[in-house]
Amino acid sequence: PDLILMDIQLPEVSGLDITRWMKADDELASIPIIAVTAFAMRGDEERFREGGCQDYLSKPISVATFIGAVRKFIG
């Protein structure tokens, strides 16, 4: 894929854990990942970026914000 939208609050495992696993895999490490969460808290953006996400979106997401974030990575 050219881009991954990663929901951080998954039922069985943290999306941030999956992001870290993907970034540790040579075949997947270069794929940009945008973190998506419904439960935004102070410090989340920094934590997600440190975990390997290139961008961060908090729900609800406006169409313009979503399109802008995607265009940063896939034009």
C-alpha atoms as a PDB file:
ATOM      1  CA  PRO A   1       0.000   0.000   0.000  1.00  0.00           C
ATOM      2  CA  ASP A   2       0.982   3.629  -0.499  1.00  0.00           C
ATOM      3  CA  LEU A   3      -0.463   4.754   2.836  1.00  0.00           C
ATOM      4  CA  ILE A   4      -1.950   3.188   5.970  1.00  0.00           C
ATOM      5  CA  LEU A   5      -4.633   4.718   8.185  1.00  0.00           C
ATOM      6  CA  MET A   6      -4.113   3.091  11.584  1.00  0.00           C
ATOM      7  CA  ASP A   7      -6.912   3.133  14.144  1.00  0.00           C
ATOM      8  CA  ILE A   8      -5.141   3.364  17.488  1.00  0.00           C
ATOM      9  CA  GLN A   9      -7.995   1.864  19.559  1.00  0.00           C
ATOM     10  CA  LEU A  10      -8.315  -1.647  18.123  1.00  0.00           C
ATOM     11  CA  PRO A  11     -10.171  -4.325  20.116  1.00  0.00           C
ATOM     12  CA  GLU A  12      -7.400  -6.897  20.537  1.00  0.00           C
ATOM     13  CA  VAL A  13      -4.164  -4.928  20.215  1.00  0.00           C
ATOM     14  CA  SER A  14      -3.053  -1.310  20.136  1.00  0.00           C
ATOM     15  CA  GLY A  15      -2.730   0.232  16.702  1.00  0.00           C
ATOM     16  CA  LEU A  16       0.452   1.831  17.991  1.00  0.00           C
ATOM     17  CA  ASP A  17       1.899  -1.628  18.703  1.00  0.00           C
ATOM     18  CA  ILE A  18       1.049  -2.704  15.155  1.00  0.00           C
ATOM     19  CA  THR A  19       2.690   0.459  13.832  1.00  0.00           C
ATOM     20  CA  ARG A  20       5.880  -0.340  15.741  1.00  0.00           C
ATOM     21  CA  TRP A  21       5.884  -3.904  14.372  1.00  0.00           C
ATOM     22  CA  MET A  22       5.413  -2.597  10.842  1.00  0.00           C
ATOM     23  CA  LYS A  23       8.202  -0.044  11.187  1.00  0.00           C
ATOM     24  CA  ALA A  24      10.524  -2.833  12.366  1.00  0.00           C
ATOM     25  CA  ASP A  25       9.828  -4.803   9.153  1.00  0.00           C
ATOM     26  CA  ASP A  26      12.129  -3.782   6.280  1.00  0.00           C
ATOM     27  CA  GLU A  27       9.414  -4.387   3.679  1.00  0.00           C
ATOM     28  CA  LEU A  28       6.846  -2.209   5.472  1.00  0.00           C
ATOM     29  CA  ALA A  29       8.963   0.441   7.186  1.00  0.00           C
ATOM     30  CA  SER A  30       8.787   2.979   4.354  1.00  0.00           C
ATOM     31  CA  ILE A  31       4.968   3.024   4.156  1.00  0.00           C
ATOM     32  CA  PRO A  32       3.624   6.193   5.795  1.00  0.00           C
ATOM     33  CA  ILE A  33       1.132   5.626   8.607  1.00  0.00           C
ATOM     34  CA  ILE A  34      -1.489   8.114   9.771  1.00  0.00           C
ATOM     35  CA  ALA A  35      -2.748   7.475  13.309  1.00  0.00           C
ATOM     36  CA  VAL A  36      -6.508   7.844  13.752  1.00  0.00           C
ATOM     37  CA  THR A  37      -8.166   7.989  17.167  1.00  0.00           C
ATOM     38  CA  ALA A  38     -11.528   8.862  18.664  1.00  0.00           C
ATOM     39  CA  PHE A  39     -10.071   9.521  22.103  1.00  0.00           C
ATOM     40  CA  ALA A  40      -7.639  12.400  21.636  1.00  0.00           C
ATOM     41  CA  MET A  41      -5.626  13.326  24.690  1.00  0.00           C
ATOM     42  CA  ARG A  42      -2.871  15.816  25.356  1.00  0.00           C
ATOM     43  CA  GLY A  43       0.463  14.385  24.228  1.00  0.00           C
ATOM     44  CA  ASP A  44      -1.060  11.852  21.819  1.00  0.00           C
ATOM     45  CA  GLU A  45       0.396  13.384  18.672  1.00  0.00           C
ATOM     46  CA  GLU A  46       3.930  13.279  20.058  1.00  0.00           C
ATOM     47  CA  ARG A  47       3.458   9.717  21.333  1.00  0.00           C
ATOM     48  CA  PHE A  48       2.095   8.521  17.972  1.00  0.00           C
ATOM     49  CA  ARG A  49       4.925  10.157  16.047  1.00  0.00           C
ATOM     50  CA  GLU A  50       7.491   8.603  18.386  1.00  0.00           C
ATOM     51  CA  GLY A  51       5.777   5.250  17.751  1.00  0.00           C
ATOM     52  CA  GLY A  52       6.316   5.558  13.998  1.00  0.00           C
ATOM     53  CA  CYS A  53       3.264   7.411  12.686  1.00  0.00           C
ATOM     54  CA  GLN A  54       3.937  10.212  10.229  1.00  0.00           C
ATOM     55  CA  ASP A  55       0.714  12.082  10.951  1.00  0.00           C
ATOM     56  CA  TYR A  56      -2.246  12.093  13.340  1.00  0.00           C
ATOM     57  CA  LEU A  57      -5.987  12.635  12.915  1.00  0.00           C
ATOM     58  CA  SER A  58      -8.544  12.878  15.698  1.00  0.00           C
ATOM     59  CA  LYS A  59     -12.170  11.839  15.119  1.00  0.00           C
ATOM     60  CA  PRO A  60     -14.466  13.290  14.062  1.00  0.00           C
ATOM     61  CA  ILE A  61     -12.400  14.078  10.977  1.00  0.00           C
ATOM     62  CA  SER A  62     -13.521  16.733   8.534  1.00  0.00           C
ATOM     63  CA  VAL A  63     -13.353  15.832   4.863  1.00  0.00           C
ATOM     64  CA  ALA A  64     -10.932  18.690   4.178  1.00  0.00           C
ATOM     65  CA  THR A  65      -8.582  17.612   6.979  1.00  0.00           C
ATOM     66  CA  PHE A  66      -8.680  13.998   5.809  1.00  0.00           C
ATOM     67  CA  ILE A  67      -7.965  14.879   2.178  1.00  0.00           C
ATOM     68  CA  GLY A  68      -5.154  17.226   3.221  1.00  0.00           C
ATOM     69  CA  ALA A  69      -3.490  14.539   5.325  1.00  0.00           C
ATOM     70  CA  VAL A  70      -3.724  11.927   2.578  1.00  0.00           C
ATOM     71  CA  ARG A  71      -2.405  14.325  -0.078  1.00  0.00           C
ATOM     72  CA  LYS A  72       0.724  14.946   1.987  1.00  0.00           C
ATOM     73  CA  PHE A  73       1.703  11.351   1.347  1.00  0.00           C
ATOM     74  CA  ILE A  74       0.168  10.270  -1.942  1.00  0.00           C
ATOM     75  CA  GLY A  75      -0.368  13.574  -3.744  1.00  0.00           C
END
